[in-house]
Amino acid sequence: ELQRARNIRLQALGAIRALGLPEEDAVPVSRFLSAFAETNTSIAGLDRAIGAENREVARAMRRLRGDVRDERELAASAGIAGCGGLAIR
């Protein structure tokens, strides 16, 4: 499921980049895209941690939650709130 989520997010990333947003939106969208990439990295980290010690999995989950929170905030700042975050708790 994590790999599937990552693949969907990578497709979404390509679609967001292809939108060609106005120049004034470039900085907030760029920040969001950076956060989006960080979340993808955290998803991969969680995927690698599964099967390891509980402590390592918990650390990967905390990182992913933090990255998702940052991504959501930056998506809202960029005016594309519907694009940010995962349904993860």
C-alpha atoms as a PDB file:
ATOM      1  CA  GLU A   1       0.000   0.000   0.000  1.00  0.00           C
ATOM      2  CA  LEU A   2       2.852   2.393   0.754  1.00  0.00           C
ATOM      3  CA  GLN A   3       4.366   1.822  -2.672  1.00  0.00           C
ATOM      4  CA  ARG A   4       0.974   2.374  -4.278  1.00  0.00           C
ATOM      5  CA  ALA A   5       0.520   5.635  -2.334  1.00  0.00           C
ATOM      6  CA  ARG A   6       3.951   6.801  -3.417  1.00  0.00           C
ATOM      7  CA  ASN A   7       3.237   6.015  -7.070  1.00  0.00           C
ATOM      8  CA  ILE A   8      -0.055   7.920  -6.967  1.00  0.00           C
ATOM      9  CA  ARG A   9       1.677  10.869  -5.297  1.00  0.00           C
ATOM     10  CA  LEU A  10       4.408  10.895  -7.952  1.00  0.00           C
ATOM     11  CA  GLN A  11       1.745  11.027 -10.663  1.00  0.00           C
ATOM     12  CA  ALA A  12       0.023  13.861  -8.806  1.00  0.00           C
ATOM     13  CA  LEU A  13       3.320  15.696  -8.507  1.00  0.00           C
ATOM     14  CA  GLY A  14       3.747  15.574 -12.276  1.00  0.00           C
ATOM     15  CA  ALA A  15       0.219  16.893 -12.759  1.00  0.00           C
ATOM     16  CA  ILE A  16       0.780  19.758 -10.308  1.00  0.00           C
ATOM     17  CA  ARG A  17       4.004  20.749 -12.049  1.00  0.00           C
ATOM     18  CA  ALA A  18       2.258  20.655 -15.423  1.00  0.00           C
ATOM     19  CA  LEU A  19      -0.400  23.137 -14.279  1.00  0.00           C
ATOM     20  CA  GLY A  20       1.838  26.089 -15.092  1.00  0.00           C
ATOM     21  CA  LEU A  21       0.662  28.246 -12.215  1.00  0.00           C
ATOM     22  CA  PRO A  22       1.020  32.044 -12.389  1.00  0.00           C
ATOM     23  CA  GLU A  23       4.383  33.598 -11.489  1.00  0.00           C
ATOM     24  CA  GLU A  24       3.097  35.049  -8.200  1.00  0.00           C
ATOM     25  CA  ASP A  25       2.281  31.512  -7.019  1.00  0.00           C
ATOM     26  CA  ALA A  26       5.752  30.171  -7.820  1.00  0.00           C
ATOM     27  CA  VAL A  27       7.315  30.509  -4.356  1.00  0.00           C
ATOM     28  CA  PRO A  28       4.454  29.035  -2.291  1.00  0.00           C
ATOM     29  CA  VAL A  29       3.959  26.219  -4.804  1.00  0.00           C
ATOM     30  CA  SER A  30       7.698  25.535  -4.845  1.00  0.00           C
ATOM     31  CA  ARG A  31       7.681  25.247  -1.047  1.00  0.00           C
ATOM     32  CA  PHE A  32       4.723  22.890  -1.242  1.00  0.00           C
ATOM     33  CA  LEU A  33       6.453  20.748  -3.878  1.00  0.00           C
ATOM     34  CA  SER A  34       9.520  20.482  -1.645  1.00  0.00           C
ATOM     35  CA  ALA A  35       7.328  19.364   1.258  1.00  0.00           C
ATOM     36  CA  PHE A  36       5.549  16.942  -1.063  1.00  0.00           C
ATOM     37  CA  ALA A  37       8.894  15.386  -1.965  1.00  0.00           C
ATOM     38  CA  GLU A  38       9.836  15.152   1.728  1.00  0.00           C
ATOM     39  CA  THR A  39       6.604  13.284   2.422  1.00  0.00           C
ATOM     40  CA  ASN A  40       7.399  10.880  -0.405  1.00  0.00           C
ATOM     41  CA  THR A  41      10.827  10.310   1.141  1.00  0.00           C
ATOM     42  CA  SER A  42       9.173   9.624   4.498  1.00  0.00           C
ATOM     43  CA  ILE A  43       6.819   7.113   2.886  1.00  0.00           C
ATOM     44  CA  ALA A  44       9.841   5.292   1.467  1.00  0.00           C
ATOM     45  CA  GLY A  45      11.510   5.429   4.892  1.00  0.00           C
ATOM     46  CA  LEU A  46       8.474   3.884   6.553  1.00  0.00           C
ATOM     47  CA  ASP A  47       8.373   1.209   3.888  1.00  0.00           C
ATOM     48  CA  ARG A  48      12.019   0.349   4.637  1.00  0.00           C
ATOM     49  CA  ALA A  49      11.410   0.411   8.402  1.00  0.00           C
ATOM     50  CA  ILE A  50       8.552  -2.080   8.318  1.00  0.00           C
ATOM     51  CA  GLY A  51       9.819  -5.339   9.708  1.00  0.00           C
ATOM     52  CA  ALA A  52      12.511  -3.633  11.753  1.00  0.00           C
ATOM     53  CA  GLU A  53      12.408  -2.843  15.466  1.00  0.00           C
ATOM     54  CA  ASN A  54       9.254  -1.188  16.751  1.00  0.00           C
ATOM     55  CA  ARG A  55      11.301   1.853  17.711  1.00  0.00           C
ATOM     56  CA  GLU A  56      12.487   2.318  14.134  1.00  0.00           C
ATOM     57  CA  VAL A  57       8.961   1.966  12.756  1.00  0.00           C
ATOM     58  CA  ALA A  58       7.653   4.456  15.339  1.00  0.00           C
ATOM     59  CA  ARG A  59      10.385   6.940  14.387  1.00  0.00           C
ATOM     60  CA  ALA A  60       9.502   6.581  10.686  1.00  0.00           C
ATOM     61  CA  MET A  61       5.808   7.118  11.478  1.00  0.00           C
ATOM     62  CA  ARG A  62       6.561  10.259  13.503  1.00  0.00           C
ATOM     63  CA  ARG A  63       8.633  11.657  10.663  1.00  0.00           C
ATOM     64  CA  LEU A  64       5.897  10.876   8.158  1.00  0.00           C
ATOM     65  CA  ARG A  65       3.236  12.516  10.334  1.00  0.00           C
ATOM     66  CA  GLY A  66       5.365  15.651  10.682  1.00  0.00           C
ATOM     67  CA  ASP A  67       6.030  15.797   6.962  1.00  0.00           C
ATOM     68  CA  VAL A  68       2.327  15.344   6.185  1.00  0.00           C
ATOM     69  CA  ARG A  69       1.464  18.169   8.603  1.00  0.00           C
ATOM     70  CA  ASP A  70       4.021  20.456   6.946  1.00  0.00           C
ATOM     71  CA  GLU A  71       2.776  19.491   3.496  1.00  0.00           C
ATOM     72  CA  ARG A  72      -0.840  20.280   4.401  1.00  0.00           C
ATOM     73  CA  GLU A  73       0.115  23.678   5.817  1.00  0.00           C
ATOM     74  CA  LEU A  74       2.161  24.593   2.760  1.00  0.00           C
ATOM     75  CA  ALA A  75      -0.583  23.387   0.401  1.00  0.00           C
ATOM     76  CA  ALA A  76      -3.040  25.664   2.185  1.00  0.00           C
ATOM     77  CA  SER A  77      -0.580  28.570   1.948  1.00  0.00           C
ATOM     78  CA  ALA A  78      -0.193  27.939  -1.782  1.00  0.00           C
ATOM     79  CA  GLY A  79      -3.963  27.908  -2.301  1.00  0.00           C
ATOM     80  CA  ILE A  80      -4.037  24.229  -3.243  1.00  0.00           C
ATOM     81  CA  ALA A  81      -5.162  22.756   0.077  1.00  0.00           C
ATOM     82  CA  GLY A  82      -6.880  19.839  -1.632  1.00  0.00           C
ATOM     83  CA  CYS A  83      -3.516  18.608  -2.897  1.00  0.00           C
ATOM     84  CA  GLY A  84      -1.706  18.289   0.414  1.00  0.00           C
ATOM     85  CA  GLY A  85      -1.439  15.509   2.908  1.00  0.00           C
ATOM     86  CA  LEU A  86      -2.319  11.910   3.298  1.00  0.00           C
ATOM     87  CA  ALA A  87      -5.072  10.265   5.260  1.00  0.00           C
ATOM     88  CA  ILE A  88      -2.691   9.150   7.977  1.00  0.00           C
ATOM     89  CA  ARG A  89      -2.989   9.333  11.723  1.00  0.00           C
END
